[in-house]
Amino acid sequence: MPYTLLIVDDSKLARMAATKALRALHPDWAQVEAGNGDEAIALAKEAAFDIAILDFNMPGRDGLQLAADLLRLCPTTPLAIVSANHQTEIVAKAEHIGAIFLPKPLNEQALGAFLKMAAGKLEKGQA
């Protein structure tokens, strides 16, 4: 089943890389993009998406704050926090709010594993 992935990163290059990986993994899936948390919240209120990957380090609200806000709006959305900062505290906070932590630079293998898990949860209605 095709899904829509929300990609949130203040780096256009990072969004392009995530889109390229998504196209290689799931060419039938769609994506929507936001450059910051405010744009992502606005999108969440007007456009449907099924899964989200969020950069941790962004101006304004960081990925953890954004994840919590998105989960309040869309509680069943599988989320991943993406960051080059692999500190145990950040990984633990991501897990605590129900998000998966993915290391940056995001590679196709890590994204693929997350998307497979997320799609499985959505298909079982367990997200």
PDB file of N, CA and C in Angstrom:
ATOM      1  N   MET A   1       0.841  -1.183   0.000  1.00  0.00           N
ATOM      2  CA  MET A   1       0.000   0.000   0.000  1.00  0.00           C
ATOM      3  C   MET A   1       0.885   1.244   0.000  1.00  0.00           C
ATOM      4  N   PRO A   2       0.626   2.186  -0.882  1.00  0.00           N
ATOM      5  CA  PRO A   2       1.434   3.412  -0.889  1.00  0.00           C
ATOM      6  C   PRO A   2       1.056   4.339   0.266  1.00  0.00           C
ATOM      7  N   TYR A   3       2.052   4.940   0.851  1.00  0.00           N
ATOM      8  CA  TYR A   3       1.869   5.882   1.951  1.00  0.00           C
ATOM      9  C   TYR A   3       2.470   7.230   1.578  1.00  0.00           C
ATOM     10  N   THR A   4       2.214   8.221   2.419  1.00  0.00           N
ATOM     11  CA  THR A   4       2.810   9.545   2.253  1.00  0.00           C
ATOM     12  C   THR A   4       3.748   9.802   3.421  1.00  0.00           C
ATOM     13  N   LEU A   5       4.964  10.196   3.100  1.00  0.00           N
ATOM     14  CA  LEU A   5       6.006  10.470   4.084  1.00  0.00           C
ATOM     15  C   LEU A   5       6.193  11.979   4.223  1.00  0.00           C
ATOM     16  N   LEU A   6       6.139  12.464   5.457  1.00  0.00           N
ATOM     17  CA  LEU A   6       6.471  13.854   5.762  1.00  0.00           C
ATOM     18  C   LEU A   6       7.949  13.911   6.094  1.00  0.00           C
ATOM     19  N   ILE A   7       8.684  14.761   5.369  1.00  0.00           N
ATOM     20  CA  ILE A   7      10.116  14.952   5.591  1.00  0.00           C
ATOM     21  C   ILE A   7      10.305  16.374   6.101  1.00  0.00           C
ATOM     22  N   VAL A   8      10.844  16.502   7.326  1.00  0.00           N
ATOM     23  CA  VAL A   8      11.055  17.826   7.911  1.00  0.00           C
ATOM     24  C   VAL A   8      12.533  17.993   8.207  1.00  0.00           C
ATOM     25  N   ASP A   9      13.144  18.954   7.544  1.00  0.00           N
ATOM     26  CA  ASP A   9      14.572  19.262   7.756  1.00  0.00           C
ATOM     27  C   ASP A   9      14.811  20.668   7.254  1.00  0.00           C
ATOM     28  N   ASP A  10      15.597  21.441   7.993  1.00  0.00           N
ATOM     29  CA  ASP A  10      15.889  22.800   7.550  1.00  0.00           C
ATOM     30  C   ASP A  10      16.897  22.819   6.406  1.00  0.00           C
ATOM     31  N   SER A  11      17.507  21.683   6.109  1.00  0.00           N
ATOM     32  CA  SER A  11      18.443  21.572   4.993  1.00  0.00           C
ATOM     33  C   SER A  11      17.721  21.020   3.758  1.00  0.00           C
ATOM     34  N   LYS A  12      17.660  21.825   2.719  1.00  0.00           N
ATOM     35  CA  LYS A  12      17.051  21.381   1.456  1.00  0.00           C
ATOM     36  C   LYS A  12      17.783  20.154   0.919  1.00  0.00           C
ATOM     37  N   LEU A  13      19.103  20.139   1.060  1.00  0.00           N
ATOM     38  CA  LEU A  13      19.901  19.007   0.594  1.00  0.00           C
ATOM     39  C   LEU A  13      19.510  17.723   1.328  1.00  0.00           C
ATOM     40  N   ALA A  14      19.307  17.811   2.631  1.00  0.00           N
ATOM     41  CA  ALA A  14      18.902  16.632   3.413  1.00  0.00           C
ATOM     42  C   ALA A  14      17.517  16.157   2.980  1.00  0.00           C
ATOM     43  N   ARG A  15      16.604  17.097   2.713  1.00  0.00           N
ATOM     44  CA  ARG A  15      15.273  16.710   2.236  1.00  0.00           C
ATOM     45  C   ARG A  15      15.368  16.032   0.872  1.00  0.00           C
ATOM     46  N   MET A  16      16.240  16.552   0.015  1.00  0.00           N
ATOM     47  CA  MET A  16      16.425  15.947  -1.312  1.00  0.00           C
ATOM     48  C   MET A  16      17.004  14.536  -1.192  1.00  0.00           C
ATOM     49  N   ALA A  17      17.953  14.342  -0.283  1.00  0.00           N
ATOM     50  CA  ALA A  17      18.551  13.022  -0.086  1.00  0.00           C
ATOM     51  C   ALA A  17      17.519  12.030   0.443  1.00  0.00           C
ATOM     52  N   ALA A  18      16.675  12.476   1.379  1.00  0.00           N
ATOM     53  CA  ALA A  18      15.628  11.600   1.907  1.00  0.00           C
ATOM     54  C   ALA A  18      14.626  11.244   0.813  1.00  0.00           C
ATOM     55  N   THR A  19      14.276  12.212  -0.017  1.00  0.00           N
ATOM     56  CA  THR A  19      13.346  11.965  -1.120  1.00  0.00           C
ATOM     57  C   THR A  19      13.945  10.971  -2.111  1.00  0.00           C
ATOM     58  N   LYS A  20      15.224  11.128  -2.412  1.00  0.00           N
ATOM     59  CA  LYS A  20      15.891  10.209  -3.337  1.00  0.00           C
ATOM     60  C   LYS A  20      15.875   8.781  -2.777  1.00  0.00           C
ATOM     61  N   ALA A  21      16.169   8.647  -1.486  1.00  0.00           N
ATOM     62  CA  ALA A  21      16.150   7.321  -0.860  1.00  0.00           C
ATOM     63  C   ALA A  21      14.733   6.749  -0.872  1.00  0.00           C
ATOM     64  N   LEU A  22      13.744   7.581  -0.579  1.00  0.00           N
ATOM     65  CA  LEU A  22      12.356   7.130  -0.606  1.00  0.00           C
ATOM     66  C   LEU A  22      11.977   6.627  -1.997  1.00  0.00           C
ATOM     67  N   ARG A  23      12.359   7.377  -3.041  1.00  0.00           N
ATOM     68  CA  ARG A  23      12.049   6.986  -4.428  1.00  0.00           C
ATOM     69  C   ARG A  23      12.677   5.638  -4.774  1.00  0.00           C
ATOM     70  N   ALA A  24      13.894   5.395  -4.280  1.00  0.00           N
ATOM     71  CA  ALA A  24      14.567   4.126  -4.559  1.00  0.00           C
ATOM     72  C   ALA A  24      13.873   2.972  -3.830  1.00  0.00           C
ATOM     73  N   LEU A  25      13.400   3.233  -2.620  1.00  0.00           N
ATOM     74  CA  LEU A  25      12.782   2.195  -1.800  1.00  0.00           C
ATOM     75  C   LEU A  25      11.313   1.953  -2.142  1.00  0.00           C
ATOM     76  N   HIS A  26      10.580   3.032  -2.334  1.00  0.00           N
ATOM     77  CA  HIS A  26       9.131   2.963  -2.546  1.00  0.00           C
ATOM     78  C   HIS A  26       8.723   3.989  -3.601  1.00  0.00           C
ATOM     79  N   PRO A  27       8.939   3.680  -4.880  1.00  0.00           N
ATOM     80  CA  PRO A  27       8.638   4.661  -5.921  1.00  0.00           C
ATOM     81  C   PRO A  27       7.162   5.058  -5.997  1.00  0.00           C
ATOM     82  N   ASP A  28       6.275   4.250  -5.424  1.00  0.00           N
ATOM     83  CA  ASP A  28       4.846   4.553  -5.467  1.00  0.00           C
ATOM     84  C   ASP A  28       4.383   5.415  -4.286  1.00  0.00           C
ATOM     85  N   TRP A  29       5.258   5.677  -3.325  1.00  0.00           N
ATOM     86  CA  TRP A  29       4.902   6.498  -2.169  1.00  0.00           C
ATOM     87  C   TRP A  29       5.043   7.975  -2.520  1.00  0.00           C
ATOM     88  N   ALA A  30       4.299   8.799  -1.823  1.00  0.00           N
ATOM     89  CA  ALA A  30       4.379  10.253  -1.999  1.00  0.00           C
ATOM     90  C   ALA A  30       5.136  10.854  -0.822  1.00  0.00           C
ATOM     91  N   GLN A  31       5.549  12.102  -0.979  1.00  0.00           N
ATOM     92  CA  GLN A  31       6.175  12.799   0.138  1.00  0.00           C
ATOM     93  C   GLN A  31       5.719  14.242   0.152  1.00  0.00           C
ATOM     94  N   VAL A  32       5.695  14.795   1.351  1.00  0.00           N
ATOM     95  CA  VAL A  32       5.493  16.220   1.554  1.00  0.00           C
ATOM     96  C   VAL A  32       6.672  16.690   2.389  1.00  0.00           C
ATOM     97  N   GLU A  33       7.061  17.937   2.189  1.00  0.00           N
ATOM     98  CA  GLU A  33       8.259  18.444   2.850  1.00  0.00           C
ATOM     99  C   GLU A  33       7.968  19.722   3.605  1.00  0.00           C
ATOM    100  N   ALA A  34       8.720  19.895   4.691  1.00  0.00           N
ATOM    101  CA  ALA A  34       8.676  21.132   5.452  1.00  0.00           C
ATOM    102  C   ALA A  34      10.104  21.473   5.858  1.00  0.00           C
ATOM    103  N   GLY A  35      10.397  22.774   5.886  1.00  0.00           N
ATOM    104  CA  GLY A  35      11.738  23.234   6.228  1.00  0.00           C
ATOM    105  C   GLY A  35      11.926  23.558   7.707  1.00  0.00           C
ATOM    106  N   ASN A  36      10.833  23.502   8.477  1.00  0.00           N
ATOM    107  CA  ASN A  36      10.937  23.759   9.920  1.00  0.00           C
ATOM    108  C   ASN A  36       9.673  23.243  10.608  1.00  0.00           C
ATOM    109  N   GLY A  37       9.680  23.344  11.931  1.00  0.00           N
ATOM    110  CA  GLY A  37       8.572  22.832  12.709  1.00  0.00           C
ATOM    111  C   GLY A  37       7.254  23.530  12.445  1.00  0.00           C
ATOM    112  N   ASP A  38       7.295  24.840  12.292  1.00  0.00           N
ATOM    113  CA  ASP A  38       6.053  25.579  12.037  1.00  0.00           C
ATOM    114  C   ASP A  38       5.410  25.143  10.716  1.00  0.00           C
ATOM    115  N   GLU A  39       6.231  24.979   9.677  1.00  0.00           N
ATOM    116  CA  GLU A  39       5.713  24.502   8.392  1.00  0.00           C
ATOM    117  C   GLU A  39       5.131  23.098   8.533  1.00  0.00           C
ATOM    118  N   ALA A  40       5.787  22.262   9.318  1.00  0.00           N
ATOM    119  CA  ALA A  40       5.316  20.887   9.507  1.00  0.00           C
ATOM    120  C   ALA A  40       3.970  20.863  10.217  1.00  0.00           C
ATOM    121  N   ILE A  41       3.801  21.687  11.233  1.00  0.00           N
ATOM    122  CA  ILE A  41       2.523  21.751  11.947  1.00  0.00           C
ATOM    123  C   ILE A  41       1.416  22.248  11.011  1.00  0.00           C
ATOM    124  N   ALA A  42       1.731  23.269  10.219  1.00  0.00           N
ATOM    125  CA  ALA A  42       0.747  23.775   9.251  1.00  0.00           C
ATOM    126  C   ALA A  42       0.356  22.671   8.271  1.00  0.00           C
ATOM    127  N   LEU A  43       1.335  21.910   7.783  1.00  0.00           N
ATOM    128  CA  LEU A  43       1.047  20.796   6.874  1.00  0.00           C
ATOM    129  C   LEU A  43       0.189  19.741   7.549  1.00  0.00           C
ATOM    130  N   ALA A  44       0.503  19.435   8.797  1.00  0.00           N
ATOM    131  CA  ALA A  44      -0.238  18.405   9.524  1.00  0.00           C
ATOM    132  C   ALA A  44      -1.705  18.771   9.666  1.00  0.00           C
ATOM    133  N   LYS A  45      -1.982  20.061   9.702  1.00  0.00           N
ATOM    134  CA  LYS A  45      -3.361  20.513   9.857  1.00  0.00           C
ATOM    135  C   LYS A  45      -4.123  20.535   8.530  1.00  0.00           C
ATOM    136  N   GLU A  46      -3.391  20.534   7.403  1.00  0.00           N
ATOM    137  CA  GLU A  46      -4.080  20.645   6.121  1.00  0.00           C
ATOM    138  C   GLU A  46      -3.832  19.497   5.154  1.00  0.00           C
ATOM    139  N   ALA A  47      -2.760  18.738   5.319  1.00  0.00           N
ATOM    140  CA  ALA A  47      -2.436  17.661   4.380  1.00  0.00           C
ATOM    141  C   ALA A  47      -2.261  16.351   5.147  1.00  0.00           C
ATOM    142  N   ALA A  48      -2.727  15.290   4.552  1.00  0.00           N
ATOM    143  CA  ALA A  48      -2.594  13.981   5.179  1.00  0.00           C
ATOM    144  C   ALA A  48      -1.216  13.397   4.899  1.00  0.00           C
ATOM    145  N   PHE A  49      -0.614  12.822   5.926  1.00  0.00           N
ATOM    146  CA  PHE A  49       0.603  12.041   5.768  1.00  0.00           C
ATOM    147  C   PHE A  49       0.517  10.884   6.743  1.00  0.00           C
ATOM    148  N   ASP A  50       1.266   9.831   6.457  1.00  0.00           N
ATOM    149  CA  ASP A  50       1.160   8.608   7.244  1.00  0.00           C
ATOM    150  C   ASP A  50       2.337   8.393   8.170  1.00  0.00           C
ATOM    151  N   ILE A  51       3.513   8.833   7.737  1.00  0.00           N
ATOM    152  CA  ILE A  51       4.770   8.563   8.426  1.00  0.00           C
ATOM    153  C   ILE A  51       5.588   9.854   8.362  1.00  0.00           C
ATOM    154  N   ALA A  52       6.423  10.096   9.368  1.00  0.00           N
ATOM    155  CA  ALA A  52       7.235  11.318   9.341  1.00  0.00           C
ATOM    156  C   ALA A  52       8.668  11.032   9.786  1.00  0.00           C
ATOM    157  N   ILE A  53       9.595  11.717   9.109  1.00  0.00           N
ATOM    158  CA  ILE A  53      10.982  11.751   9.577  1.00  0.00           C
ATOM    159  C   ILE A  53      11.317  13.216   9.843  1.00  0.00           C
ATOM    160  N   LEU A  54      11.884  13.458  11.026  1.00  0.00           N
ATOM    161  CA  LEU A  54      12.102  14.815  11.502  1.00  0.00           C
ATOM    162  C   LEU A  54      13.555  15.014  11.870  1.00  0.00           C
ATOM    163  N   ASP A  55      14.150  16.057  11.344  1.00  0.00           N
ATOM    164  CA  ASP A  55      15.498  16.425  11.753  1.00  0.00           C
ATOM    165  C   ASP A  55      15.457  16.854  13.214  1.00  0.00           C
ATOM    166  N   PHE A  56      16.472  16.503  13.977  1.00  0.00           N
ATOM    167  CA  PHE A  56      16.513  16.919  15.378  1.00  0.00           C
ATOM    168  C   PHE A  56      16.881  18.386  15.520  1.00  0.00           C
ATOM    169  N   ASN A  57      17.942  18.793  14.837  1.00  0.00           N
ATOM    170  CA  ASN A  57      18.504  20.121  15.047  1.00  0.00           C
ATOM    171  C   ASN A  57      17.995  21.093  13.990  1.00  0.00           C
ATOM    172  N   MET A  58      16.951  21.850  14.375  1.00  0.00           N
ATOM    173  CA  MET A  58      16.382  22.854  13.476  1.00  0.00           C
ATOM    174  C   MET A  58      16.179  24.139  14.266  1.00  0.00           C
ATOM    175  N   PRO A  59      16.178  25.275  13.576  1.00  0.00           N
ATOM    176  CA  PRO A  59      15.869  26.523  14.273  1.00  0.00           C
ATOM    177  C   PRO A  59      14.430  26.500  14.792  1.00  0.00           C
ATOM    178  N   GLY A  60      14.199  27.175  15.889  1.00  0.00           N
ATOM    179  CA  GLY A  60      12.860  27.170  16.478  1.00  0.00           C
ATOM    180  C   GLY A  60      12.671  25.895  17.264  1.00  0.00           C
ATOM    181  N   ARG A  61      11.642  25.170  16.942  1.00  0.00           N
ATOM    182  CA  ARG A  61      11.365  23.934  17.688  1.00  0.00           C
ATOM    183  C   ARG A  61      12.221  22.809  17.127  1.00  0.00           C
ATOM    184  N   ASP A  62      12.852  22.044  18.024  1.00  0.00           N
ATOM    185  CA  ASP A  62      13.695  20.940  17.554  1.00  0.00           C
ATOM    186  C   ASP A  62      12.823  19.730  17.223  1.00  0.00           C
ATOM    187  N   GLY A  63      13.443  18.699  16.705  1.00  0.00           N
ATOM    188  CA  GLY A  63      12.710  17.525  16.265  1.00  0.00           C
ATOM    189  C   GLY A  63      11.929  16.829  17.366  1.00  0.00           C
ATOM    190  N   LEU A  64      12.463  16.826  18.586  1.00  0.00           N
ATOM    191  CA  LEU A  64      11.743  16.199  19.696  1.00  0.00           C
ATOM    192  C   LEU A  64      10.486  16.987  20.046  1.00  0.00           C
ATOM    193  N   GLN A  65      10.605  18.307  20.084  1.00  0.00           N
ATOM    194  CA  GLN A  65       9.432  19.137  20.360  1.00  0.00           C
ATOM    195  C   GLN A  65       8.399  18.969  19.243  1.00  0.00           C
ATOM    196  N   LEU A  66       8.875  18.959  18.009  1.00  0.00           N
ATOM    197  CA  LEU A  66       7.982  18.787  16.870  1.00  0.00           C
ATOM    198  C   LEU A  66       7.296  17.427  16.917  1.00  0.00           C
ATOM    199  N   ALA A  67       8.047  16.389  17.254  1.00  0.00           N
ATOM    200  CA  ALA A  67       7.457  15.049  17.340  1.00  0.00           C
ATOM    201  C   ALA A  67       6.321  15.025  18.363  1.00  0.00           C
ATOM    202  N   ALA A  68       6.550  15.618  19.520  1.00  0.00           N
ATOM    203  CA  ALA A  68       5.503  15.660  20.551  1.00  0.00           C
ATOM    204  C   ALA A  68       4.281  16.421  20.045  1.00  0.00           C
ATOM    205  N   ASP A  69       4.504  17.545  19.367  1.00  0.00           N
ATOM    206  CA  ASP A  69       3.392  18.337  18.825  1.00  0.00           C
ATOM    207  C   ASP A  69       2.627  17.557  17.752  1.00  0.00           C
ATOM    208  N   LEU A  70       3.356  16.880  16.867  1.00  0.00           N
ATOM    209  CA  LEU A  70       2.701  16.102  15.805  1.00  0.00           C
ATOM    210  C   LEU A  70       1.915  14.933  16.389  1.00  0.00           C
ATOM    211  N   LEU A  71       2.460  14.302  17.419  1.00  0.00           N
ATOM    212  CA  LEU A  71       1.753  13.174  18.021  1.00  0.00           C
ATOM    213  C   LEU A  71       0.471  13.622  18.724  1.00  0.00           C
ATOM    214  N   ARG A  72       0.450  14.856  19.201  1.00  0.00           N
ATOM    215  CA  ARG A  72      -0.799  15.378  19.768  1.00  0.00           C
ATOM    216  C   ARG A  72      -1.856  15.540  18.666  1.00  0.00           C
ATOM    217  N   LEU A  73      -1.409  15.953  17.477  1.00  0.00           N
ATOM    218  CA  LEU A  73      -2.332  16.132  16.352  1.00  0.00           C
ATOM    219  C   LEU A  73      -2.680  14.808  15.669  1.00  0.00           C
ATOM    220  N   CYS A  74      -1.693  13.949  15.539  1.00  0.00           N
ATOM    221  CA  CYS A  74      -1.832  12.687  14.802  1.00  0.00           C
ATOM    222  C   CYS A  74      -1.204  11.561  15.633  1.00  0.00           C
ATOM    223  N   PRO A  75      -1.897  11.071  16.659  1.00  0.00           N
ATOM    224  CA  PRO A  75      -1.277  10.160  17.620  1.00  0.00           C
ATOM    225  C   PRO A  75      -0.822   8.813  17.072  1.00  0.00           C
ATOM    226  N   THR A  76      -1.298   8.409  15.909  1.00  0.00           N
ATOM    227  CA  THR A  76      -0.903   7.092  15.381  1.00  0.00           C
ATOM    228  C   THR A  76       0.208   7.159  14.340  1.00  0.00           C
ATOM    229  N   THR A  77       0.761   8.343  14.116  1.00  0.00           N
ATOM    230  CA  THR A  77       1.792   8.502  13.082  1.00  0.00           C
ATOM    231  C   THR A  77       3.136   7.938  13.539  1.00  0.00           C
ATOM    232  N   PRO A  78       3.690   6.974  12.805  1.00  0.00           N
ATOM    233  CA  PRO A  78       5.048   6.534  13.116  1.00  0.00           C
ATOM    234  C   PRO A  78       6.038   7.664  12.792  1.00  0.00           C
ATOM    235  N   LEU A  79       6.931   7.945  13.744  1.00  0.00           N
ATOM    236  CA  LEU A  79       7.883   9.047  13.601  1.00  0.00           C
ATOM    237  C   LEU A  79       9.310   8.564  13.803  1.00  0.00           C
ATOM    238  N   ALA A  80      10.227   9.214  13.087  1.00  0.00           N
ATOM    239  CA  ALA A  80      11.658   9.004  13.321  1.00  0.00           C
ATOM    240  C   ALA A  80      12.310  10.366  13.496  1.00  0.00           C
ATOM    241  N   ILE A  81      13.228  10.441  14.451  1.00  0.00           N
ATOM    242  CA  ILE A  81      14.066  11.623  14.657  1.00  0.00           C
ATOM    243  C   ILE A  81      15.405  11.311  14.016  1.00  0.00           C
ATOM    244  N   VAL A  82      15.881  12.205  13.157  1.00  0.00           N
ATOM    245  CA  VAL A  82      17.138  11.998  12.447  1.00  0.00           C
ATOM    246  C   VAL A  82      18.146  13.026  12.941  1.00  0.00           C
ATOM    247  N   SER A  83      19.329  12.542  13.344  1.00  0.00           N
ATOM    248  CA  SER A  83      20.342  13.470  13.839  1.00  0.00           C
ATOM    249  C   SER A  83      21.735  12.869  13.760  1.00  0.00           C
ATOM    250  N   ALA A  84      22.703  13.745  13.557  1.00  0.00           N
ATOM    251  CA  ALA A  84      24.109  13.342  13.641  1.00  0.00           C
ATOM    252  C   ALA A  84      24.551  13.292  15.098  1.00  0.00           C
ATOM    253  N   ASN A  85      23.740  13.840  15.998  1.00  0.00           N
ATOM    254  CA  ASN A  85      24.026  13.864  17.426  1.00  0.00           C
ATOM    255  C   ASN A  85      23.491  12.571  18.045  1.00  0.00           C
ATOM    256  N   HIS A  86      24.398  11.624  18.296  1.00  0.00           N
ATOM    257  CA  HIS A  86      23.995  10.302  18.767  1.00  0.00           C
ATOM    258  C   HIS A  86      24.038  10.204  20.285  1.00  0.00           C
ATOM    259  N   GLN A  87      23.895  11.296  20.986  1.00  0.00           N
ATOM    260  CA  GLN A  87      23.955  11.267  22.443  1.00  0.00           C
ATOM    261  C   GLN A  87      22.855  10.377  23.000  1.00  0.00           C
ATOM    262  N   THR A  88      23.205   9.614  24.003  1.00  0.00           N
ATOM    263  CA  THR A  88      22.261   8.690  24.629  1.00  0.00           C
ATOM    264  C   THR A  88      20.998   9.413  25.078  1.00  0.00           C
ATOM    265  N   GLU A  89      21.152  10.624  25.592  1.00  0.00           N
ATOM    266  CA  GLU A  89      20.012  11.394  26.081  1.00  0.00           C
ATOM    267  C   GLU A  89      19.002  11.681  24.961  1.00  0.00           C
ATOM    268  N   ILE A  90      19.492  12.044  23.788  1.00  0.00           N
ATOM    269  CA  ILE A  90      18.605  12.352  22.660  1.00  0.00           C
ATOM    270  C   ILE A  90      17.912  11.081  22.167  1.00  0.00           C
ATOM    271  N   VAL A  91      18.666  10.002  22.068  1.00  0.00           N
ATOM    272  CA  VAL A  91      18.084   8.722  21.636  1.00  0.00           C
ATOM    273  C   VAL A  91      16.999   8.294  22.627  1.00  0.00           C
ATOM    274  N   ALA A  92      17.288   8.407  23.926  1.00  0.00           N
ATOM    275  CA  ALA A  92      16.321   8.019  24.961  1.00  0.00           C
ATOM    276  C   ALA A  92      15.076   8.896  24.925  1.00  0.00           C
ATOM    277  N   LYS A  93      15.259  10.207  24.717  1.00  0.00           N
ATOM    278  CA  LYS A  93      14.104  11.106  24.640  1.00  0.00           C
ATOM    279  C   LYS A  93      13.246  10.781  23.423  1.00  0.00           C
ATOM    280  N   ALA A  94      13.880  10.459  22.309  1.00  0.00           N
ATOM    281  CA  ALA A  94      13.125  10.079  21.102  1.00  0.00           C
ATOM    282  C   ALA A  94      12.294   8.833  21.393  1.00  0.00           C
ATOM    283  N   GLU A  95      12.908   7.835  21.999  1.00  0.00           N
ATOM    284  CA  GLU A  95      12.201   6.596  22.313  1.00  0.00           C
ATOM    285  C   GLU A  95      11.079   6.852  23.319  1.00  0.00           C
ATOM    286  N   HIS A  96      11.327   7.734  24.281  1.00  0.00           N
ATOM    287  CA  HIS A  96      10.337   8.033  25.322  1.00  0.00           C
ATOM    288  C   HIS A  96       9.043   8.615  24.731  1.00  0.00           C
ATOM    289  N   ILE A  97       9.170   9.443  23.708  1.00  0.00           N
ATOM    290  CA  ILE A  97       7.967  10.024  23.109  1.00  0.00           C
ATOM    291  C   ILE A  97       7.374   9.125  22.016  1.00  0.00           C
ATOM    292  N   GLY A  98       8.008   7.984  21.766  1.00  0.00           N
ATOM    293  CA  GLY A  98       7.459   7.042  20.800  1.00  0.00           C
ATOM    294  C   GLY A  98       8.042   7.154  19.410  1.00  0.00           C
ATOM    295  N   ALA A  99       9.170   7.832  19.278  1.00  0.00           N
ATOM    296  CA  ALA A  99       9.828   7.977  17.973  1.00  0.00           C
ATOM    297  C   ALA A  99      11.036   7.039  17.890  1.00  0.00           C
ATOM    298  N   ILE A 100      11.411   6.721  16.690  1.00  0.00           N
ATOM    299  CA  ILE A 100      12.611   5.937  16.419  1.00  0.00           C
ATOM    300  C   ILE A 100      13.743   6.925  16.148  1.00  0.00           C
ATOM    301  N   PHE A 101      14.949   6.613  16.593  1.00  0.00           N
ATOM    302  CA  PHE A 101      16.112   7.459  16.305  1.00  0.00           C
ATOM    303  C   PHE A 101      16.860   6.869  15.118  1.00  0.00           C
ATOM    304  N   LEU A 102      17.153   7.712  14.122  1.00  0.00           N
ATOM    305  CA  LEU A 102      17.952   7.303  12.963  1.00  0.00           C
ATOM    306  C   LEU A 102      19.165   8.213  12.858  1.00  0.00           C
ATOM    307  N   PRO A 103      20.352   7.644  12.692  1.00  0.00           N
ATOM    308  CA  PRO A 103      21.558   8.474  12.591  1.00  0.00           C
ATOM    309  C   PRO A 103      21.656   9.184  11.242  1.00  0.00           C
ATOM    310  N   LYS A 104      22.240  10.370  11.291  1.00  0.00           N
ATOM    311  CA  LYS A 104      22.518  11.156  10.102  1.00  0.00           C
ATOM    312  C   LYS A 104      23.995  10.991   9.780  1.00  0.00           C
ATOM    313  N   PRO A 105      24.410  10.935   8.552  1.00  0.00           N
ATOM    314  CA  PRO A 105      23.568  11.077   7.370  1.00  0.00           C
ATOM    315  C   PRO A 105      22.657   9.860   7.204  1.00  0.00           C
ATOM    316  N   LEU A 106      21.419  10.138   6.852  1.00  0.00           N
ATOM    317  CA  LEU A 106      20.420   9.098   6.675  1.00  0.00           C
ATOM    318  C   LEU A 106      20.762   8.280   5.438  1.00  0.00           C
ATOM    319  N   ASN A 107      20.860   6.968   5.619  1.00  0.00           N
ATOM    320  CA  ASN A 107      21.147   6.132   4.457  1.00  0.00           C
ATOM    321  C   ASN A 107      19.915   5.313   4.089  1.00  0.00           C
ATOM    322  N   GLU A 108      19.941   4.775   2.907  1.00  0.00           N
ATOM    323  CA  GLU A 108      18.806   4.046   2.368  1.00  0.00           C
ATOM    324  C   GLU A 108      18.455   2.828   3.222  1.00  0.00           C
ATOM    325  N   GLN A 109      19.468   2.162   3.754  1.00  0.00           N
ATOM    326  CA  GLN A 109      19.227   0.967   4.566  1.00  0.00           C
ATOM    327  C   GLN A 109      18.475   1.319   5.854  1.00  0.00           C
ATOM    328  N   ALA A 110      18.921   2.348   6.573  1.00  0.00           N
ATOM    329  CA  ALA A 110      18.256   2.748   7.818  1.00  0.00           C
ATOM    330  C   ALA A 110      16.844   3.254   7.540  1.00  0.00           C
ATOM    331  N   LEU A 111      16.691   4.070   6.500  1.00  0.00           N
ATOM    332  CA  LEU A 111      15.368   4.576   6.150  1.00  0.00           C
ATOM    333  C   LEU A 111      14.457   3.418   5.764  1.00  0.00           C
ATOM    334  N   GLY A 112      14.977   2.484   4.980  1.00  0.00           N
ATOM    335  CA  GLY A 112      14.182   1.332   4.559  1.00  0.00           C
ATOM    336  C   GLY A 112      13.687   0.507   5.734  1.00  0.00           C
ATOM    337  N   ALA A 113      14.553   0.267   6.712  1.00  0.00           N
ATOM    338  CA  ALA A 113      14.154  -0.503   7.898  1.00  0.00           C
ATOM    339  C   ALA A 113      13.063   0.231   8.676  1.00  0.00           C
ATOM    340  N   PHE A 114      13.214   1.550   8.833  1.00  0.00           N
ATOM    341  CA  PHE A 114      12.192   2.330   9.537  1.00  0.00           C
ATOM    342  C   PHE A 114      10.869   2.313   8.776  1.00  0.00           C
ATOM    343  N   LEU A 115      10.919   2.523   7.469  1.00  0.00           N
ATOM    344  CA  LEU A 115       9.688   2.550   6.675  1.00  0.00           C
ATOM    345  C   LEU A 115       8.984   1.195   6.681  1.00  0.00           C
ATOM    346  N   LYS A 116       9.745   0.123   6.654  1.00  0.00           N
ATOM    347  CA  LYS A 116       9.154  -1.218   6.716  1.00  0.00           C
ATOM    348  C   LYS A 116       8.425  -1.416   8.044  1.00  0.00           C
ATOM    349  N   MET A 117       9.068  -1.027   9.135  1.00  0.00           N
ATOM    350  CA  MET A 117       8.449  -1.142  10.453  1.00  0.00           C
ATOM    351  C   MET A 117       7.203  -0.264  10.536  1.00  0.00           C
ATOM    352  N   ALA A 118       7.304   0.976  10.059  1.00  0.00           N
ATOM    353  CA  ALA A 118       6.185   1.910  10.114  1.00  0.00           C
ATOM    354  C   ALA A 118       5.008   1.407   9.280  1.00  0.00           C
ATOM    355  N   ALA A 119       5.275   0.925   8.080  1.00  0.00           N
ATOM    356  CA  ALA A 119       4.213   0.410   7.217  1.00  0.00           C
ATOM    357  C   ALA A 119       3.552  -0.811   7.850  1.00  0.00           C
ATOM    358  N   GLY A 120       4.349  -1.656   8.473  1.00  0.00           N
ATOM    359  CA  GLY A 120       3.793  -2.823   9.160  1.00  0.00           C
ATOM    360  C   GLY A 120       2.843  -2.422  10.268  1.00  0.00           C
ATOM    361  N   LYS A 121       3.213  -1.413  11.042  1.00  0.00           N
ATOM    362  CA  LYS A 121       2.336  -0.927  12.116  1.00  0.00           C
ATOM    363  C   LYS A 121       1.054  -0.334  11.538  1.00  0.00           C
ATOM    364  N   LEU A 122       1.185   0.437  10.477  1.00  0.00           N
ATOM    365  CA  LEU A 122      -0.002   1.035   9.861  1.00  0.00           C
ATOM    366  C   LEU A 122      -0.937  -0.028   9.310  1.00  0.00           C
ATOM    367  N   GLU A 123      -0.372  -1.038   8.685  1.00  0.00           N
ATOM    368  CA  GLU A 123      -1.193  -2.107   8.103  1.00  0.00           C
ATOM    369  C   GLU A 123      -1.914  -2.925   9.169  1.00  0.00           C
ATOM    370  N   LYS A 124      -1.303  -3.046  10.327  1.00  0.00           N
ATOM    371  CA  LYS A 124      -1.925  -3.788  11.432  1.00  0.00           C
ATOM    372  C   LYS A 124      -2.786  -2.885  12.312  1.00  0.00           C
ATOM    373  N   GLY A 125      -2.780  -1.579  12.002  1.00  0.00           N
ATOM    374  CA  GLY A 125      -3.544  -0.653  12.814  1.00  0.00           C
ATOM    375  C   GLY A 125      -2.964  -0.427  14.188  1.00  0.00           C
ATOM    376  N   GLN A 126      -1.636  -0.638  14.308  1.00  0.00           N
ATOM    377  CA  GLN A 126      -0.965  -0.541  15.606  1.00  0.00           C
ATOM    378  C   GLN A 126      -0.144   0.714  15.749  1.00  0.00           C
ATOM    379  N   ALA A 127      -0.169   1.584  14.790  1.00  0.00           N
ATOM    380  CA  ALA A 127       0.677   2.777  14.855  1.00  0.00           C
ATOM    381  C   ALA A 127       0.244   3.675  15.983  1.00  0.00           C
TER     382      ALA A 127
END
